[in-house]
């Protein structure tokens, strides 16, 4: 896999949702605008901006691909295991969050505390309230990790499943 890590982490949904959203895209590349409209109109996503977030996230997971002509769905969609691996390796912050819950169960707050020193300065400077931004990001990363079967949640604490 590439070293490129994607920063976008949209609201947590199911793998079924992601596959359905990817299925709205054409096999022949379409413009970003066209693909966002397809995702919005073909799913429960309500805005173009949110559709764009899912489009980027699906690209990170290799459910869709981008060319110089736009986005398209891939012919051979990744398996569940491949999605989990792509999430871990290609979504910024996922490895750090997963590493944090690998040895002991932790709350989202404890995860944030454990990884806060690893959050790059450029990320801190991007947001006026970076702590709130990264709390939300951490919760979404944990939620997606659970969706992909990498963690389980009980009583507000997350634990690695592998």
Protein backbone atom coordinates (compact mmCIF):
# COMPACT_ATOMS: atom_id res chain seq x y z
CA UNK A 1 0.00 0.00 0.00
CA UNK A 2 1.01 3.57 -0.57
CA UNK A 3 2.34 5.83 2.16
CA UNK A 4 -0.37 8.36 1.38
CA UNK A 5 -2.78 8.78 4.28
CA UNK A 6 -6.14 10.46 3.86
CA UNK A 7 -7.33 12.90 6.53
CA UNK A 8 -11.08 12.81 5.89
CA UNK A 9 -13.11 10.77 8.40
CA UNK A 10 -16.84 11.18 7.68
CA UNK A 11 -19.66 10.27 10.08
CA UNK A 12 -19.68 6.55 10.85
CA UNK A 13 -21.98 4.33 8.80
CA UNK A 14 -22.00 0.67 7.81
CA UNK A 15 -19.87 -1.21 5.30
CA UNK A 16 -23.12 -1.87 3.43
CA UNK A 17 -23.62 1.91 3.14
CA UNK A 18 -20.08 2.37 1.78
CA UNK A 19 -20.57 -0.37 -0.79
CA UNK A 20 -23.92 1.11 -1.85
CA UNK A 21 -22.40 4.61 -2.09
CA UNK A 22 -19.52 3.28 -4.20
CA UNK A 23 -22.09 1.50 -6.37
CA UNK A 24 -23.68 4.84 -7.30
CA UNK A 25 -20.51 5.85 -9.15
CA UNK A 26 -19.98 5.06 -12.81
CA UNK A 27 -17.34 2.62 -14.07
CA UNK A 28 -16.18 5.34 -16.49
CA UNK A 29 -14.77 8.31 -14.53
CA UNK A 30 -17.17 11.11 -13.79
CA UNK A 31 -16.51 14.61 -12.49
CA UNK A 32 -16.27 15.24 -8.77
CA UNK A 33 -19.51 17.23 -8.94
CA UNK A 34 -21.34 14.43 -10.79
CA UNK A 35 -20.04 11.78 -8.38
CA UNK A 36 -20.99 13.82 -5.30
CA UNK A 37 -24.48 14.24 -6.73
CA UNK A 38 -24.71 10.49 -7.37
CA UNK A 39 -23.63 9.68 -3.80
CA UNK A 40 -26.04 12.24 -2.35
CA UNK A 41 -28.98 11.16 -4.50
CA UNK A 42 -28.32 7.42 -4.16
CA UNK A 43 -27.84 7.30 -0.37
CA UNK A 44 -29.01 8.91 2.85
CA UNK A 45 -26.31 11.63 2.56
CA UNK A 46 -27.99 15.01 2.61
CA UNK A 47 -25.33 17.46 1.38
CA UNK A 48 -22.73 17.74 -1.36
CA UNK A 49 -20.00 18.43 1.23
CA UNK A 50 -20.81 15.25 3.13
CA UNK A 51 -20.95 13.30 -0.14
CA UNK A 52 -17.47 14.66 -0.96
CA UNK A 53 -16.20 13.43 2.43
CA UNK A 54 -17.52 9.92 1.73
CA UNK A 55 -16.05 10.01 -1.78
CA UNK A 56 -12.59 10.78 -0.37
CA UNK A 57 -12.99 8.18 2.39
CA UNK A 58 -14.04 5.55 -0.15
CA UNK A 59 -10.95 6.44 -2.20
CA UNK A 60 -8.80 5.83 0.90
CA UNK A 61 -10.47 2.42 1.28
CA UNK A 62 -9.97 1.57 -2.44
CA UNK A 63 -13.72 1.30 -3.05
CA UNK A 64 -13.44 4.07 -5.64
CA UNK A 65 -10.52 5.45 -7.63
CA UNK A 66 -9.69 8.86 -9.02
CA UNK A 67 -8.16 9.61 -12.41
CA UNK A 68 -7.46 12.92 -14.10
CA UNK A 69 -10.99 12.67 -15.53
CA UNK A 70 -12.70 12.12 -12.18
CA UNK A 71 -13.88 9.34 -9.90
CA UNK A 72 -15.17 5.88 -10.73
CA UNK A 73 -16.08 2.75 -8.81
CA UNK A 74 -13.62 -0.10 -8.93
CA UNK A 75 -14.59 -3.29 -10.74
CA UNK A 76 -13.42 -5.64 -8.00
CA UNK A 77 -14.44 -4.20 -4.66
CA UNK A 78 -12.15 -4.97 -1.73
CA UNK A 79 -13.12 -7.67 0.76
CA UNK A 80 -14.01 -6.85 4.34
CA UNK A 81 -10.46 -7.68 5.44
CA UNK A 82 -9.02 -5.47 2.70
CA UNK A 83 -11.27 -2.60 3.80
CA UNK A 84 -10.06 -2.97 7.39
CA UNK A 85 -6.43 -3.03 6.24
CA UNK A 86 -6.91 0.02 4.00
CA UNK A 87 -8.56 1.87 6.90
CA UNK A 88 -5.65 1.05 9.21
CA UNK A 89 -2.94 1.96 6.70
CA UNK A 90 -4.46 4.77 4.62
CA UNK A 91 -6.60 6.86 7.01
CA UNK A 92 -4.66 9.42 9.01
CA UNK A 93 -4.86 8.68 12.74
CA UNK A 94 -6.25 5.15 12.41
CA UNK A 95 -2.96 3.38 13.22
CA UNK A 96 -2.41 5.62 16.22
CA UNK A 97 -5.91 5.05 17.60
CA UNK A 98 -5.71 1.30 17.02
CA UNK A 99 -2.30 1.15 18.69
CA UNK A 100 -3.75 2.97 21.66
CA UNK A 101 -6.44 0.34 22.31
CA UNK A 102 -4.24 -2.64 21.42
CA UNK A 103 -3.05 -3.28 24.98
CA UNK A 104 -5.96 -2.12 27.12
CA UNK A 105 -9.55 -0.90 26.72
CA UNK A 106 -9.87 2.88 26.59
CA UNK A 107 -12.57 5.51 26.38
CA UNK A 108 -12.48 8.01 23.51
CA UNK A 109 -11.23 10.61 26.02
CA UNK A 110 -8.36 8.34 27.08
CA UNK A 111 -7.51 7.68 23.43
CA UNK A 112 -7.33 11.43 22.75
CA UNK A 113 -5.09 11.94 25.79
CA UNK A 114 -2.79 9.12 24.63
CA UNK A 115 -2.40 10.36 21.04
CA UNK A 116 -2.55 14.15 21.52
CA UNK A 117 1.25 14.51 21.43
CA UNK A 118 1.31 12.68 18.09
CA UNK A 119 -1.05 15.19 16.46
CA UNK A 120 1.17 17.26 14.16
CA UNK A 121 1.49 20.99 14.70
CA UNK A 122 0.10 21.69 11.22
CA UNK A 123 -3.08 19.85 12.24
CA UNK A 124 -3.32 21.84 15.47
CA UNK A 125 -2.87 25.09 13.56
CA UNK A 126 -5.60 24.24 11.04
CA UNK A 127 -8.40 24.49 13.58
CA UNK A 128 -9.22 27.18 16.07
CA UNK A 129 -10.39 24.53 18.55
CA UNK A 130 -8.18 21.62 17.51
CA UNK A 131 -8.90 19.66 20.68
CA UNK A 132 -12.63 19.50 19.95
CA UNK A 133 -11.87 18.68 16.32
CA UNK A 134 -9.58 15.80 17.32
CA UNK A 135 -11.95 14.49 20.00
CA UNK A 136 -14.58 14.16 17.29
CA UNK A 137 -12.06 12.69 14.87
CA UNK A 138 -10.95 10.14 17.48
CA UNK A 139 -14.55 9.11 18.12
CA UNK A 140 -15.15 8.70 14.39
CA UNK A 141 -11.93 6.70 13.98
CA UNK A 142 -13.01 4.40 16.82
CA UNK A 143 -16.48 4.08 15.30
CA UNK A 144 -15.09 3.16 11.89
CA UNK A 145 -12.63 0.75 13.51
CA UNK A 146 -15.62 -0.94 15.12
CA UNK A 147 -17.47 -0.98 11.78
CA UNK A 148 -14.49 -2.77 10.20
CA UNK A 149 -14.25 -5.26 13.08
CA UNK A 150 -10.90 -3.96 14.37
CA UNK A 151 -12.23 -2.93 17.80
CA UNK A 152 -15.21 -3.71 19.98
CA UNK A 153 -16.96 -1.34 22.36
CA UNK A 154 -18.39 -2.17 25.77
CA UNK A 155 -19.45 0.31 28.44
CA UNK A 156 -17.90 3.23 26.57
CA UNK A 157 -14.49 1.54 26.29
CA UNK A 158 -12.89 0.31 23.09
CA UNK A 159 -10.65 -2.74 22.83
CA UNK A 160 -8.77 -4.19 19.88
CA UNK A 161 -10.29 -7.40 18.52
CA UNK A 162 -7.08 -8.76 16.88
